[in-house]
Protein backbone atom coordinates (compact mmCIF):
# COMPACT_ATOMS: atom_id res chain seq x y z
CA UNK A 1 75.48 157.47 116.30
CA UNK A 2 78.86 156.25 116.10
CA UNK A 3 79.60 152.83 117.46
CA UNK A 4 83.16 151.40 118.47
CA UNK A 5 84.63 147.93 118.45
CA UNK A 6 88.00 146.68 119.34
CA UNK A 7 89.59 143.66 117.15
CA UNK A 8 92.11 141.66 119.18
CA UNK A 9 93.26 138.33 119.74
CA UNK A 10 95.36 136.08 122.31
CA UNK A 11 98.62 136.44 120.04
CA UNK A 12 100.00 137.82 116.98
CA UNK A 13 99.32 135.98 113.70
CA UNK A 14 96.06 134.77 114.44
CA UNK A 15 94.18 136.93 111.71
CA UNK A 16 93.45 140.32 113.36
CA UNK A 17 94.42 142.39 110.18
CA UNK A 18 92.72 140.22 107.57
CA UNK A 19 89.33 140.13 109.89
CA UNK A 20 89.61 143.89 110.40
CA UNK A 21 90.10 144.76 106.51
CA UNK A 22 87.19 142.25 105.64
CA UNK A 23 84.95 143.57 108.19
CA UNK A 24 85.54 147.33 107.10
CA UNK A 25 85.09 146.54 103.54
CA UNK A 26 81.94 144.27 104.13
CA UNK A 27 80.21 147.23 106.02
CA UNK A 28 81.42 149.74 103.48
CA UNK A 29 79.63 147.60 100.88
CA UNK A 30 76.57 147.57 102.92
CA UNK A 31 76.69 151.66 102.50
CA UNK A 32 78.36 152.14 106.02
CA UNK A 33 80.91 154.70 106.83
CA UNK A 34 83.96 152.76 108.69
CA UNK A 35 86.84 154.31 110.25
CA UNK A 36 89.68 152.31 111.18
CA UNK A 37 92.50 152.69 113.71
CA UNK A 38 95.45 150.87 114.90
CA UNK A 39 96.36 150.12 118.32
CA UNK A 40 100.23 150.31 118.94
CA UNK A 41 103.11 151.24 116.92
CA UNK A 42 102.63 149.16 113.62
CA UNK A 43 103.05 151.71 110.70
CA UNK A 44 102.13 149.34 108.01
CA UNK A 45 98.50 148.08 108.91
CA UNK A 46 97.04 151.80 108.63
CA UNK A 47 97.75 151.96 104.78
CA UNK A 48 95.79 148.48 104.46
CA UNK A 49 92.87 150.06 106.62
CA UNK A 50 92.84 153.16 104.08
CA UNK A 51 92.41 150.77 101.21
CA UNK A 52 89.62 149.03 102.95
CA UNK A 53 87.81 151.92 104.13
CA UNK A 54 88.50 155.02 101.79
CA UNK A 55 89.43 156.95 105.02
CA UNK A 56 92.81 157.73 106.52
CA UNK A 57 93.65 155.48 109.51
CA UNK A 58 96.04 156.48 112.37
CA UNK A 59 97.79 154.80 115.32
CA UNK A 60 96.72 155.28 118.79
CA UNK A 61 99.19 154.16 121.33
CA UNK A 62 98.83 154.29 125.07
CA UNK A 63 102.67 154.09 126.00
CA UNK A 64 103.61 156.97 123.57
CA UNK A 65 100.57 159.24 123.68
CA UNK A 66 98.49 160.82 126.41
CA UNK A 67 94.70 160.04 126.64
CA UNK A 68 93.83 163.43 125.24
CA UNK A 69 95.76 162.58 122.07
CA UNK A 70 94.19 159.14 121.75
CA UNK A 71 90.65 160.77 122.16
CA UNK A 72 91.82 163.60 119.52
CA UNK A 73 92.93 161.12 117.02
CA UNK A 74 89.92 158.54 117.71
CA UNK A 75 87.56 161.56 117.23
CA UNK A 76 88.27 161.18 113.36
CA UNK A 77 85.58 158.61 113.55
CA UNK A 78 82.88 161.03 114.77
CA UNK A 79 81.27 161.01 111.43
CA UNK A 80 81.44 157.34 110.82
CA UNK A 81 78.81 154.69 111.47
CA UNK A 82 81.53 152.27 112.86
CA UNK A 83 84.85 152.73 114.24
CA UNK A 84 87.18 149.54 114.25
CA UNK A 85 90.35 149.57 116.30
CA UNK A 86 92.73 146.87 115.40
CA UNK A 87 94.95 145.60 118.18
CA UNK A 88 98.48 144.35 118.28
CA UNK A 89 100.06 141.33 119.53
CA UNK A 90 97.87 139.80 122.35
CA UNK A 91 95.01 141.69 123.78
CA UNK A 92 96.96 142.42 127.14
CA UNK A 93 100.57 142.52 125.76
CA UNK A 94 102.46 145.66 126.45
CA UNK A 95 105.55 146.71 128.08
CA UNK A 96 106.33 146.16 131.79
CA UNK A 97 106.82 149.84 132.56
CA UNK A 98 103.72 151.94 132.27
CA UNK A 99 104.04 154.90 129.69
CA UNK A 100 102.19 158.17 129.06
CA UNK A 101 98.58 156.64 129.73
CA UNK A 102 99.37 152.88 129.59
CA UNK A 103 101.59 149.93 128.75
CA UNK A 104 100.73 150.02 124.94
CA UNK A 105 98.47 146.98 125.17
CA UNK A 106 95.21 146.86 123.07
CA UNK A 107 93.38 146.47 126.55
CA UNK A 108 94.30 149.97 127.28
CA UNK A 109 92.46 151.42 124.47
CA UNK A 110 89.42 149.15 124.67
CA UNK A 111 89.07 150.21 128.37
CA UNK A 112 89.89 153.91 127.67
CA UNK A 113 87.49 154.27 124.98
CA UNK A 114 84.87 151.94 126.54
CA UNK A 115 84.88 149.82 123.21
CA UNK A 116 84.09 145.97 123.52
CA UNK A 117 86.59 143.56 122.19
CA UNK A 118 85.82 141.17 119.38
CA UNK A 119 88.36 138.31 119.87
CA UNK A 120 89.94 136.18 116.82
CA UNK A 121 90.46 132.84 118.15
CA UNK A 122 92.46 130.43 116.17
CA UNK A 123 91.55 126.90 117.51
CA UNK A 124 93.98 125.13 115.29
CA UNK A 125 95.22 121.97 117.27
CA UNK A 126 92.55 122.31 120.04
CA UNK A 127 88.95 122.38 120.63
CA UNK A 128 87.28 122.98 123.91
CA UNK A 129 90.62 124.52 125.29
CA UNK A 130 89.91 127.41 122.89
CA UNK A 131 86.75 128.38 125.12
CA UNK A 132 89.13 128.29 128.15
CA UNK A 133 91.31 130.74 126.38
CA UNK A 134 88.59 132.96 125.61
CA UNK A 135 87.23 132.94 129.01
CA UNK A 136 90.58 133.63 130.59
CA UNK A 137 90.79 136.85 128.26
CA UNK A 138 87.38 137.94 129.16
CA UNK A 139 87.83 137.78 132.87
CA UNK A 140 91.67 138.96 133.06
CA UNK A 141 90.71 142.67 133.49
CA UNK A 142 87.39 144.15 134.72
CA UNK A 143 87.46 147.24 132.70
CA UNK A 144 87.50 145.34 129.46
CA UNK A 145 84.26 143.91 127.90
CA UNK A 146 84.25 140.94 125.54
CA UNK A 147 81.76 141.38 122.73
CA UNK A 148 82.32 137.61 121.33
CA UNK A 149 84.65 135.83 119.31
CA UNK A 150 85.14 134.90 115.63
CA UNK A 151 86.86 131.71 114.91
CA UNK A 152 89.55 131.26 112.24
CA UNK A 153 90.95 128.67 110.40
CA UNK A 154 88.57 126.01 111.66
CA UNK A 155 89.37 122.57 110.25
CA UNK A 156 86.09 121.08 109.85
CA UNK A 157 82.49 121.21 110.48
CA UNK A 158 82.88 118.78 113.73
CA UNK A 159 85.66 121.05 114.68
CA UNK A 160 83.59 123.96 114.68
CA UNK A 161 80.66 122.28 116.55
CA UNK A 162 83.06 121.29 119.41
CA UNK A 163 84.40 124.69 119.84
CA UNK A 164 81.15 126.37 119.50
CA UNK A 165 79.65 123.96 122.23
CA UNK A 166 82.41 124.79 124.58
CA UNK A 167 82.20 128.56 124.00
CA UNK A 168 78.28 128.37 124.63
CA UNK A 169 79.08 126.58 127.84
CA UNK A 170 81.27 129.57 128.96
CA UNK A 171 78.75 132.15 127.90
CA UNK A 172 80.66 133.43 125.14
CA UNK A 173 79.12 134.42 121.99
CA UNK A 174 80.49 132.85 118.66
CA UNK A 175 79.75 135.51 115.86
CA UNK A 176 81.36 133.78 113.09
CA UNK A 177 83.69 130.89 111.85
CA UNK A 178 86.10 131.01 109.26
CA UNK A 179 87.43 127.79 107.52
CA UNK A 180 90.79 127.98 106.13
CA UNK A 181 90.99 130.02 102.97
CA UNK A 182 94.42 130.52 101.48
CA UNK A 183 93.31 132.81 98.72
CA UNK A 184 92.93 135.94 101.26
CA UNK A 185 96.40 135.46 103.01
CA UNK A 186 98.32 138.63 102.87
CA UNK A 187 101.90 138.50 101.72
CA UNK A 188 104.61 138.88 104.56
CA UNK A 189 107.86 140.59 104.95
CA UNK A 190 110.59 140.76 107.73
CA UNK A 191 108.96 143.81 109.16
CA UNK A 192 105.59 142.49 109.03
CA UNK A 193 103.03 142.98 105.96
CA UNK A 194 104.17 143.84 102.85
CA UNK A 195 103.11 147.60 102.25
CA UNK A 196 99.71 148.43 100.83
CA UNK A 197 101.08 150.35 97.81
CA UNK A 198 103.11 147.69 96.87
CA UNK A 199 100.46 145.41 96.23
CA UNK A 200 98.50 145.89 92.89
CA UNK A 201 96.15 143.05 93.93
CA UNK A 202 95.26 144.31 97.37
CA UNK A 203 91.94 145.84 96.59
CA UNK A 204 90.76 142.52 95.23
CA UNK A 205 92.19 140.51 97.97
CA UNK A 206 90.22 142.86 100.43
CA UNK A 207 87.13 142.28 98.51
CA UNK A 208 87.68 138.58 98.41
CA UNK A 209 88.19 138.82 102.14
CA UNK A 210 85.01 140.70 102.61
CA UNK A 211 82.86 138.15 100.54
CA UNK A 212 84.46 135.30 102.54
CA UNK A 213 83.78 136.91 105.91
CA UNK A 214 80.29 138.07 105.01
CA UNK A 215 79.40 134.33 104.28
CA UNK A 216 80.80 132.95 107.68
CA UNK A 217 80.41 135.97 109.93
CA UNK A 218 77.09 137.20 111.44
CA UNK A 219 77.60 140.89 110.32
CA UNK A 220 74.55 142.20 111.86
CA UNK A 221 75.50 140.47 115.33
CA UNK A 222 78.83 142.00 115.07
CA UNK A 223 77.67 145.39 114.32
CA UNK A 224 75.12 145.20 117.37
CA UNK A 225 77.92 144.16 119.66
CA UNK A 226 79.83 147.52 119.06
CA UNK A 227 79.10 150.11 121.61
CA UNK A 228 77.47 153.29 120.78
CA UNK A 229 80.03 156.21 121.40
CA UNK A 230 79.88 159.95 121.44
CA UNK A 231 83.33 161.42 120.98
CA UNK A 232 84.20 163.81 123.62
CA UNK A 233 86.60 166.81 122.53
CA UNK A 234 89.96 166.49 123.79
CA UNK A 235 91.21 169.00 125.96
CA UNK A 236 94.57 169.28 124.61
CA UNK A 237 94.71 167.06 121.68
CA UNK A 238 97.85 165.95 119.71
CA UNK A 239 100.71 168.52 120.08
CA UNK A 240 103.93 167.83 117.80
CA UNK A 241 106.42 170.51 116.62
CA UNK A 242 107.00 170.21 112.85
CA UNK A 243 110.81 170.19 111.80
CA UNK A 244 110.40 172.95 109.61
CA UNK A 245 107.85 175.23 107.51
CA UNK A 246 108.39 173.78 104.36
CA UNK A 247 109.38 170.06 104.75
CA UNK A 248 110.84 167.97 101.59
CA UNK A 249 109.57 164.46 102.48
CA UNK A 250 111.16 161.42 100.72
CA UNK A 251 108.22 159.29 99.77
CA UNK A 252 108.26 156.36 97.68
CA UNK A 253 108.72 152.40 98.00
CA UNK A 254 111.93 152.83 99.92
CA UNK A 255 110.74 155.45 102.23
CA UNK A 256 107.07 155.13 103.23
CA UNK A 257 107.21 154.33 107.04
CA UNK A 258 106.03 157.48 108.59
CA UNK A 259 103.07 157.60 111.04
CA UNK A 260 99.97 159.37 109.40
CA UNK A 261 99.22 161.28 112.63
CA UNK A 262 102.73 162.97 112.47
CA UNK A 263 102.14 164.51 108.95
CA UNK A 264 98.56 165.55 109.72
CA UNK A 265 100.14 167.37 112.99
CA UNK A 266 102.82 169.03 110.90
CA UNK A 267 100.33 170.24 108.51
CA UNK A 268 97.86 171.24 111.34
CA UNK A 269 100.70 173.45 112.67
CA UNK A 270 100.97 175.29 109.43
CA UNK A 271 103.69 173.27 107.93
CA UNK A 272 103.72 172.49 104.13
CA UNK A 273 104.98 168.91 102.88
CA UNK A 274 106.64 168.62 99.48
CA UNK A 275 107.22 165.03 98.38
CA UNK A 276 110.14 163.70 96.44
CA UNK A 277 111.20 160.11 95.33
CA UNK A 278 114.66 159.16 95.88
CA UNK A 279 114.05 156.04 93.71
CA UNK A 280 113.16 158.33 90.93
CA UNK A 281 116.49 160.00 91.35
CA UNK A 282 114.63 163.09 92.63
CA UNK A 283 116.22 165.38 95.24
CA UNK A 284 114.73 167.60 97.93
CA UNK A 285 112.74 170.64 97.02
CA UNK A 286 115.13 173.59 96.89
CA UNK A 287 112.87 176.00 98.42
CA UNK A 288 112.28 173.61 101.44
CA UNK A 289 113.91 174.60 104.78
CA UNK A 290 114.47 170.77 106.03
CA UNK A 291 114.53 167.34 104.45
CA UNK A 292 113.11 164.48 106.24
CA UNK A 293 113.89 160.89 105.14
CA UNK A 294 111.37 158.44 106.66
CA UNK A 295 112.17 154.67 107.40
CA UNK A 296 111.09 152.07 104.79
CA UNK A 297 112.83 149.27 102.87
CA UNK A 298 115.99 150.97 101.62
CA UNK A 299 118.01 147.82 101.73
CA UNK A 300 115.69 146.14 99.01
CA UNK A 301 116.84 149.17 96.62
CA UNK A 302 120.28 149.85 97.87
CA UNK A 303 121.92 149.33 94.63
CA UNK A 304 119.41 151.71 92.83
CA UNK A 305 119.90 154.36 95.57
CA UNK A 306 123.53 154.13 95.32
CA UNK A 307 123.53 154.73 91.46
CA UNK A 308 121.00 157.62 91.70
CA UNK A 309 123.62 160.34 91.60
CA UNK A 310 121.19 163.33 91.00
CA UNK A 311 119.22 162.31 94.22
CA UNK A 312 122.64 161.87 96.44
CA UNK A 313 124.11 165.07 94.94
CA UNK A 314 121.08 167.20 95.69
CA UNK A 315 120.67 165.69 99.00
CA UNK A 316 124.35 166.47 99.99
CA UNK A 317 124.00 170.01 98.57
CA UNK A 318 120.91 170.69 100.56
CA UNK A 319 122.64 169.46 103.80
CA UNK A 320 125.39 172.18 103.45
CA UNK A 321 123.24 174.69 104.45
CA UNK A 322 119.94 173.20 105.86
CA UNK A 323 119.17 170.33 108.30
CA UNK A 324 118.42 166.73 107.11
CA UNK A 325 117.02 164.05 109.12
CA UNK A 326 116.66 160.34 108.74
CA UNK A 327 114.55 157.75 110.62
CA UNK A 328 115.63 154.37 110.73
CA UNK A 329 115.88 153.46 106.86
CA UNK A 330 116.26 157.06 106.17
CA UNK A 331 119.22 157.18 108.74
CA UNK A 332 120.95 154.32 107.05
CA UNK A 333 120.72 156.15 103.75
CA UNK A 334 122.33 159.18 105.33
CA UNK A 335 125.28 157.06 106.37
CA UNK A 336 128.41 155.83 104.67
CA UNK A 337 127.22 152.44 103.54
CA UNK A 338 124.66 149.94 103.49
CA UNK A 339 125.07 146.19 103.02
CA UNK A 340 122.30 144.19 101.55
CA UNK A 341 121.18 140.67 102.49
CA UNK A 342 123.55 139.23 99.79
CA UNK A 343 126.41 140.92 101.53
CA UNK A 344 126.95 143.60 98.65
CA UNK A 345 128.07 146.87 100.01
CA UNK A 346 126.60 149.89 98.79
CA UNK A 347 127.86 153.47 99.40
CA UNK A 348 125.17 155.79 100.60
CA UNK A 349 125.00 159.67 101.22
CA UNK A 350 127.90 159.87 103.37
CA UNK A 351 126.44 162.68 105.40
CA UNK A 352 126.92 160.58 108.54
CA UNK A 353 129.18 157.97 109.62
CA UNK A 354 126.74 155.16 110.13
CA UNK A 355 127.41 151.91 108.47
CA UNK A 356 124.80 149.00 108.59
CA UNK A 357 124.49 145.57 107.29
CA UNK A 358 121.49 142.97 106.52
CA UNK A 359 124.18 140.28 105.75
CA UNK A 360 123.62 139.00 109.35
CA UNK A 361 120.23 139.93 110.48
CA UNK A 362 119.75 141.39 114.21
CA UNK A 363 116.29 142.40 115.24
CA UNK A 364 115.96 145.56 117.34
CA UNK A 365 112.50 145.94 118.40
CA UNK A 366 110.78 148.12 120.95
CA UNK A 367 109.60 151.43 122.29
CA UNK A 368 112.18 154.42 122.84
CA UNK A 369 112.40 157.36 125.04
CA UNK A 370 114.98 159.71 123.89
CA UNK A 371 116.50 162.79 125.52
CA UNK A 372 118.18 164.93 122.95
CA UNK A 373 121.85 165.63 123.68
CA UNK A 374 122.14 167.72 120.51
CA UNK A 375 119.54 169.51 118.40
CA UNK A 376 117.50 167.72 115.66
CA UNK A 377 114.85 169.45 113.21
CA UNK A 378 112.00 170.72 115.46
CA UNK A 379 113.56 169.86 118.90
CA UNK A 380 116.31 171.37 120.78
CA UNK A 381 118.82 169.72 123.20
CA UNK A 382 116.91 168.36 126.35
CA UNK A 383 113.84 167.60 124.38
CA UNK A 384 112.28 164.15 125.31
CA UNK A 385 110.76 162.07 122.55
CA UNK A 386 108.89 158.95 122.42
CA UNK A 387 109.12 156.60 119.30
CA UNK A 388 109.50 152.94 118.30
CA UNK A 389 112.34 150.97 116.65
CA UNK A 390 112.03 147.99 114.43
CA UNK A 391 114.63 146.69 112.14
CA UNK A 392 116.87 143.84 111.49
CA UNK A 393 120.17 145.72 110.45
CA UNK A 394 123.36 145.12 112.30
CA UNK A 395 125.33 148.27 113.20
CA UNK A 396 128.81 148.16 111.91
CA UNK A 397 129.85 151.66 112.93
CA UNK A 398 127.89 154.58 114.30
CA UNK A 399 131.05 156.90 115.06
CA UNK A 400 129.51 160.43 114.95
CA UNK A 401 128.33 162.69 117.73
CA UNK A 402 125.43 160.89 119.62
CA UNK A 403 122.09 162.60 119.05
CA UNK A 404 120.39 161.41 122.28
CA UNK A 405 120.46 159.31 125.30
CA UNK A 406 117.98 156.67 124.26
CA UNK A 407 116.30 154.18 126.56
CA UNK A 408 113.86 151.22 126.11
CA UNK A 409 110.57 150.99 127.82
CA UNK A 410 112.25 149.74 131.15
CA UNK A 411 114.63 152.65 131.22
CA UNK A 412 117.57 150.61 130.18
CA UNK A 413 120.05 152.50 127.92
CA UNK A 414 120.11 151.18 124.28
CA UNK A 415 123.26 151.53 122.06
CA UNK A 416 121.34 153.19 119.10
CA UNK A 417 121.83 156.73 120.16
CA UNK A 418 121.27 158.11 116.78
CA UNK A 419 124.01 160.44 115.11
CA UNK A 420 124.57 164.24 114.53
CA UNK A 421 127.27 165.62 112.02
CA UNK A 422 126.86 169.29 110.72
CA UNK A 423 123.27 169.66 109.58
CA UNK A 424 122.60 165.87 109.44
CA UNK A 425 120.80 163.98 112.28
CA UNK A 426 119.47 160.36 112.22
CA UNK A 427 117.80 158.03 114.66
CA UNK A 428 116.79 154.38 114.39
CA UNK A 429 113.59 155.09 116.20
CA UNK A 430 110.41 156.58 114.42
CA UNK A 431 108.92 159.51 116.32
CA UNK A 432 105.50 159.11 117.78
CA UNK A 433 104.99 161.92 120.07
CA UNK A 434 106.69 164.43 122.17
CA UNK A 435 107.08 163.49 125.78
CA UNK A 436 105.15 166.27 127.88
């Protein structure tokens, strides 16, 4: 029988990802099969989950996805002993306006799936107050059940004793307490964690985290706190239209931000995906009928991409007769130029007029609902798409025909409309689901 558990916290930066990875690896080391999921639109954490468990992880998102789609994606854990769903931000943090099945909050997933929540609490700079925070989270929403807490970054045995006593007084089980341990900190980057494929030491870090957590967390108690769960077959599941029959997909350290469920849905619909590496100066497959450039970190490789004439030439030639689409970083590479953080301007493919700069950082963050004004691969005018935008580039110019009317989660129109010119299209948002 599969059991499910949500790992959340009062806020970001408390240690959810590290604890999730450590628990997943610790249980795997015990011979259990663990399936991880990621609540919300973060596209980096699932790659870390896959390293920890040996199983592909996917995002489940209550703002962008219907409950049937979430149930369908969660059902991949039907053959696992334990499903660990890692939350995003704080437990109840989402957008103000409800989306398809919720606000995007982790609590939506916990209530929808009936999984208890294991809270990661960082009591730094406080003691008994940590119990008040945990009690407030426990009582905030009736449909969300608290399994217990794990204390992270505990300063001393005395500090731990004070917090444990307060938690006991509030009736909240403490299932573990982790002293500060810098060796298992995962490197950061401006979009969040550094990608798993960039870290040759990631497997060792997860092993060390698992060892450390096994010493300080009651793994048996955590496992027993998970709720037995029998996946229900979804009536509809996840329906996503692939952009073509044979898809040339850019895939390397500069182009790696694509939601795993999107690729799975494309393949499930009968599409074939052929990858190529722009960083290795490779162009799209000549037999493909569409080219897709995902997001990533092209600004870190802008000079190399600008000098890769084979890649750029073959991309331009492809776009003469077939559609090319870019998301976020891929959109920037399809543009005229990209200026890096040092102020150096690098010419890009020039298939679109977009010009962006990282010389002055400006954060663009949030859910996006787009109504297409023009066609893009897989979707005609009038299609409504749900996605998420997160980048720090400044838009210098976006002169082409707007691709869509794009709104944020409140319904306010945003300036990042995407672009269309000839066979090239691009968006700043990463597509999560079709709005049905």
